[in-house]
């Protein structure tokens, strides 16, 4: 599956999120103790961005209504969201953050 560049490591500060567009699709990148995670940048509750959410361990809390998601699996951990978010495999090559942009990625179920 093809990996595409989403950002550089320097653009994703530790403990914070960053909104990026990958091939026209909004994603949120998070740096947790040097590990980069990627999810769709839309809370399923009201489709608002997650990139500005509070990072707590490997969870992100939606900055608008408090839904909580596991960055590793995308699972919803706390309402008001009822379903999780899509996650993406990440590779860091040198300073580049690459996202697995394989078949079917970017389509909502």
C-alpha atoms as a PDB file:
ATOM      1  CA  UNK A   1       0.000   0.000   0.000  1.00  0.00           C
ATOM      2  CA  UNK A   2       1.339   3.446  -0.846  1.00  0.00           C
ATOM      3  CA  UNK A   3       2.529   5.798   1.851  1.00  0.00           C
ATOM      4  CA  UNK A   4       2.192   9.546   1.235  1.00  0.00           C
ATOM      5  CA  UNK A   5       3.811  12.434   3.056  1.00  0.00           C
ATOM      6  CA  UNK A   6       1.491  14.229   5.479  1.00  0.00           C
ATOM      7  CA  UNK A   7       3.901  16.447   7.436  1.00  0.00           C
ATOM      8  CA  UNK A   8       7.321  16.601   9.005  1.00  0.00           C
ATOM      9  CA  UNK A   9       8.010  15.460  12.559  1.00  0.00           C
ATOM     10  CA  UNK A  10       8.818  19.071  13.537  1.00  0.00           C
ATOM     11  CA  UNK A  11       5.305  20.131  12.481  1.00  0.00           C
ATOM     12  CA  UNK A  12       3.666  17.811  15.046  1.00  0.00           C
ATOM     13  CA  UNK A  13       4.695  19.024  18.518  1.00  0.00           C
ATOM     14  CA  UNK A  14       4.739  16.518  21.411  1.00  0.00           C
ATOM     15  CA  UNK A  15       1.412  16.288  23.215  1.00  0.00           C
ATOM     16  CA  UNK A  16      -0.438  18.206  20.512  1.00  0.00           C
ATOM     17  CA  UNK A  17      -2.385  17.604  17.339  1.00  0.00           C
ATOM     18  CA  UNK A  18      -2.002  19.003  13.841  1.00  0.00           C
ATOM     19  CA  UNK A  19      -4.609  19.206  11.102  1.00  0.00           C
ATOM     20  CA  UNK A  20      -3.332  18.147   7.673  1.00  0.00           C
ATOM     21  CA  UNK A  21      -4.817  17.429   4.265  1.00  0.00           C
ATOM     22  CA  UNK A  22      -3.711  14.235   2.540  1.00  0.00           C
ATOM     23  CA  UNK A  23      -4.873  13.982  -1.045  1.00  0.00           C
ATOM     24  CA  UNK A  24      -7.793  16.295  -0.226  1.00  0.00           C
ATOM     25  CA  UNK A  25      -8.824  14.386   2.926  1.00  0.00           C
ATOM     26  CA  UNK A  26      -8.669  16.035   6.407  1.00  0.00           C
ATOM     27  CA  UNK A  27      -6.580  14.082   8.914  1.00  0.00           C
ATOM     28  CA  UNK A  28      -5.346  14.826  12.418  1.00  0.00           C
ATOM     29  CA  UNK A  29      -1.817  13.869  13.457  1.00  0.00           C
ATOM     30  CA  UNK A  30      -0.847  13.515  17.113  1.00  0.00           C
ATOM     31  CA  UNK A  31       2.586  13.178  18.702  1.00  0.00           C
ATOM     32  CA  UNK A  32       2.495  11.081  21.879  1.00  0.00           C
ATOM     33  CA  UNK A  33       5.958  10.755  23.405  1.00  0.00           C
ATOM     34  CA  UNK A  34       7.566  10.681  19.967  1.00  0.00           C
ATOM     35  CA  UNK A  35       5.056   8.268  18.388  1.00  0.00           C
ATOM     36  CA  UNK A  36       2.888   9.769  15.655  1.00  0.00           C
ATOM     37  CA  UNK A  37      -0.759   8.716  15.291  1.00  0.00           C
ATOM     38  CA  UNK A  38      -3.149   9.601  12.457  1.00  0.00           C
ATOM     39  CA  UNK A  39      -6.954   9.643  12.493  1.00  0.00           C
ATOM     40  CA  UNK A  40      -9.732  11.250  10.471  1.00  0.00           C
ATOM     41  CA  UNK A  41     -10.041  14.864  11.578  1.00  0.00           C
ATOM     42  CA  UNK A  42     -13.781  14.730  12.196  1.00  0.00           C
ATOM     43  CA  UNK A  43     -15.574  13.740  15.383  1.00  0.00           C
ATOM     44  CA  UNK A  44     -18.450  11.438  14.390  1.00  0.00           C
ATOM     45  CA  UNK A  45     -20.738  13.254  16.833  1.00  0.00           C
ATOM     46  CA  UNK A  46     -20.999  16.578  14.937  1.00  0.00           C
ATOM     47  CA  UNK A  47     -18.209  16.234  12.330  1.00  0.00           C
ATOM     48  CA  UNK A  48     -16.088  18.917  13.987  1.00  0.00           C
ATOM     49  CA  UNK A  49     -12.264  18.795  13.899  1.00  0.00           C
ATOM     50  CA  UNK A  50     -10.354  16.711  16.440  1.00  0.00           C
ATOM     51  CA  UNK A  51      -6.839  18.073  15.776  1.00  0.00           C
ATOM     52  CA  UNK A  52      -7.247  20.764  18.449  1.00  0.00           C
ATOM     53  CA  UNK A  53      -8.346  18.250  21.074  1.00  0.00           C
ATOM     54  CA  UNK A  54      -6.666  17.588  24.394  1.00  0.00           C
ATOM     55  CA  UNK A  55      -4.236  14.661  24.267  1.00  0.00           C
ATOM     56  CA  UNK A  56      -4.378  12.452  27.361  1.00  0.00           C
ATOM     57  CA  UNK A  57      -2.016   9.496  27.081  1.00  0.00           C
ATOM     58  CA  UNK A  58      -2.974   7.820  23.801  1.00  0.00           C
ATOM     59  CA  UNK A  59      -6.464   9.349  23.827  1.00  0.00           C
ATOM     60  CA  UNK A  60      -7.766  12.548  22.284  1.00  0.00           C
ATOM     61  CA  UNK A  61     -10.728  14.453  23.697  1.00  0.00           C
ATOM     62  CA  UNK A  62     -12.907  16.345  21.232  1.00  0.00           C
ATOM     63  CA  UNK A  63     -12.519  20.064  21.968  1.00  0.00           C
ATOM     64  CA  UNK A  64     -16.198  20.766  21.241  1.00  0.00           C
ATOM     65  CA  UNK A  65     -18.293  18.200  23.111  1.00  0.00           C
ATOM     66  CA  UNK A  66     -15.857  16.008  25.062  1.00  0.00           C
ATOM     67  CA  UNK A  67     -16.102  12.715  23.172  1.00  0.00           C
ATOM     68  CA  UNK A  68     -12.942  10.690  23.733  1.00  0.00           C
ATOM     69  CA  UNK A  69     -11.137   8.458  21.210  1.00  0.00           C
ATOM     70  CA  UNK A  70      -8.273   5.972  21.419  1.00  0.00           C
ATOM     71  CA  UNK A  71      -5.548   7.131  19.010  1.00  0.00           C
ATOM     72  CA  UNK A  72      -4.253   3.567  18.560  1.00  0.00           C
ATOM     73  CA  UNK A  73      -7.538   1.938  17.561  1.00  0.00           C
ATOM     74  CA  UNK A  74      -9.914   4.835  16.839  1.00  0.00           C
ATOM     75  CA  UNK A  75     -12.424   3.395  19.332  1.00  0.00           C
ATOM     76  CA  UNK A  76     -14.841   5.783  20.989  1.00  0.00           C
ATOM     77  CA  UNK A  77     -14.242   5.799  24.752  1.00  0.00           C
ATOM     78  CA  UNK A  78     -16.736   8.404  25.927  1.00  0.00           C
ATOM     79  CA  UNK A  79     -19.993   9.865  24.580  1.00  0.00           C
ATOM     80  CA  UNK A  80     -21.553  11.858  23.027  1.00  0.00           C
ATOM     81  CA  UNK A  81     -19.977  10.156  19.980  1.00  0.00           C
ATOM     82  CA  UNK A  82     -21.396   6.692  19.362  1.00  0.00           C
ATOM     83  CA  UNK A  83     -18.815   5.383  16.914  1.00  0.00           C
ATOM     84  CA  UNK A  84     -15.077   5.589  16.557  1.00  0.00           C
ATOM     85  CA  UNK A  85     -12.841   7.263  14.004  1.00  0.00           C
ATOM     86  CA  UNK A  86     -10.726   5.758  11.252  1.00  0.00           C
ATOM     87  CA  UNK A  87      -7.025   5.347  12.044  1.00  0.00           C
ATOM     88  CA  UNK A  88      -4.146   5.259   9.582  1.00  0.00           C
ATOM     89  CA  UNK A  89      -0.801   3.480   9.688  1.00  0.00           C
ATOM     90  CA  UNK A  90       2.090   5.900  10.086  1.00  0.00           C
ATOM     91  CA  UNK A  91       5.751   5.595   9.148  1.00  0.00           C
ATOM     92  CA  UNK A  92       8.410   8.137  10.018  1.00  0.00           C
ATOM     93  CA  UNK A  93      11.197   8.177   7.445  1.00  0.00           C
ATOM     94  CA  UNK A  94      13.904  10.638   8.349  1.00  0.00           C
ATOM     95  CA  UNK A  95      11.907  13.751   9.246  1.00  0.00           C
ATOM     96  CA  UNK A  96       8.888  12.893   7.089  1.00  0.00           C
ATOM     97  CA  UNK A  97       5.595  11.610   8.516  1.00  0.00           C
ATOM     98  CA  UNK A  98       4.067   9.209   5.983  1.00  0.00           C
ATOM     99  CA  UNK A  99       0.479   7.932   6.041  1.00  0.00           C
ATOM    100  CA  UNK A 100      -0.616   4.603   4.541  1.00  0.00           C
ATOM    101  CA  UNK A 101      -2.984   5.706   1.797  1.00  0.00           C
ATOM    102  CA  UNK A 102      -4.075   2.308   0.532  1.00  0.00           C
ATOM    103  CA  UNK A 103      -7.156   1.096  -1.300  1.00  0.00           C
ATOM    104  CA  UNK A 104     -10.417   2.281   0.221  1.00  0.00           C
ATOM    105  CA  UNK A 105      -8.780   4.908   2.413  1.00  0.00           C
ATOM    106  CA  UNK A 106     -10.663   8.178   2.545  1.00  0.00           C
ATOM    107  CA  UNK A 107     -14.062   6.594   2.026  1.00  0.00           C
ATOM    108  CA  UNK A 108     -16.539   6.767   4.849  1.00  0.00           C
ATOM    109  CA  UNK A 109     -18.569   3.648   5.591  1.00  0.00           C
END
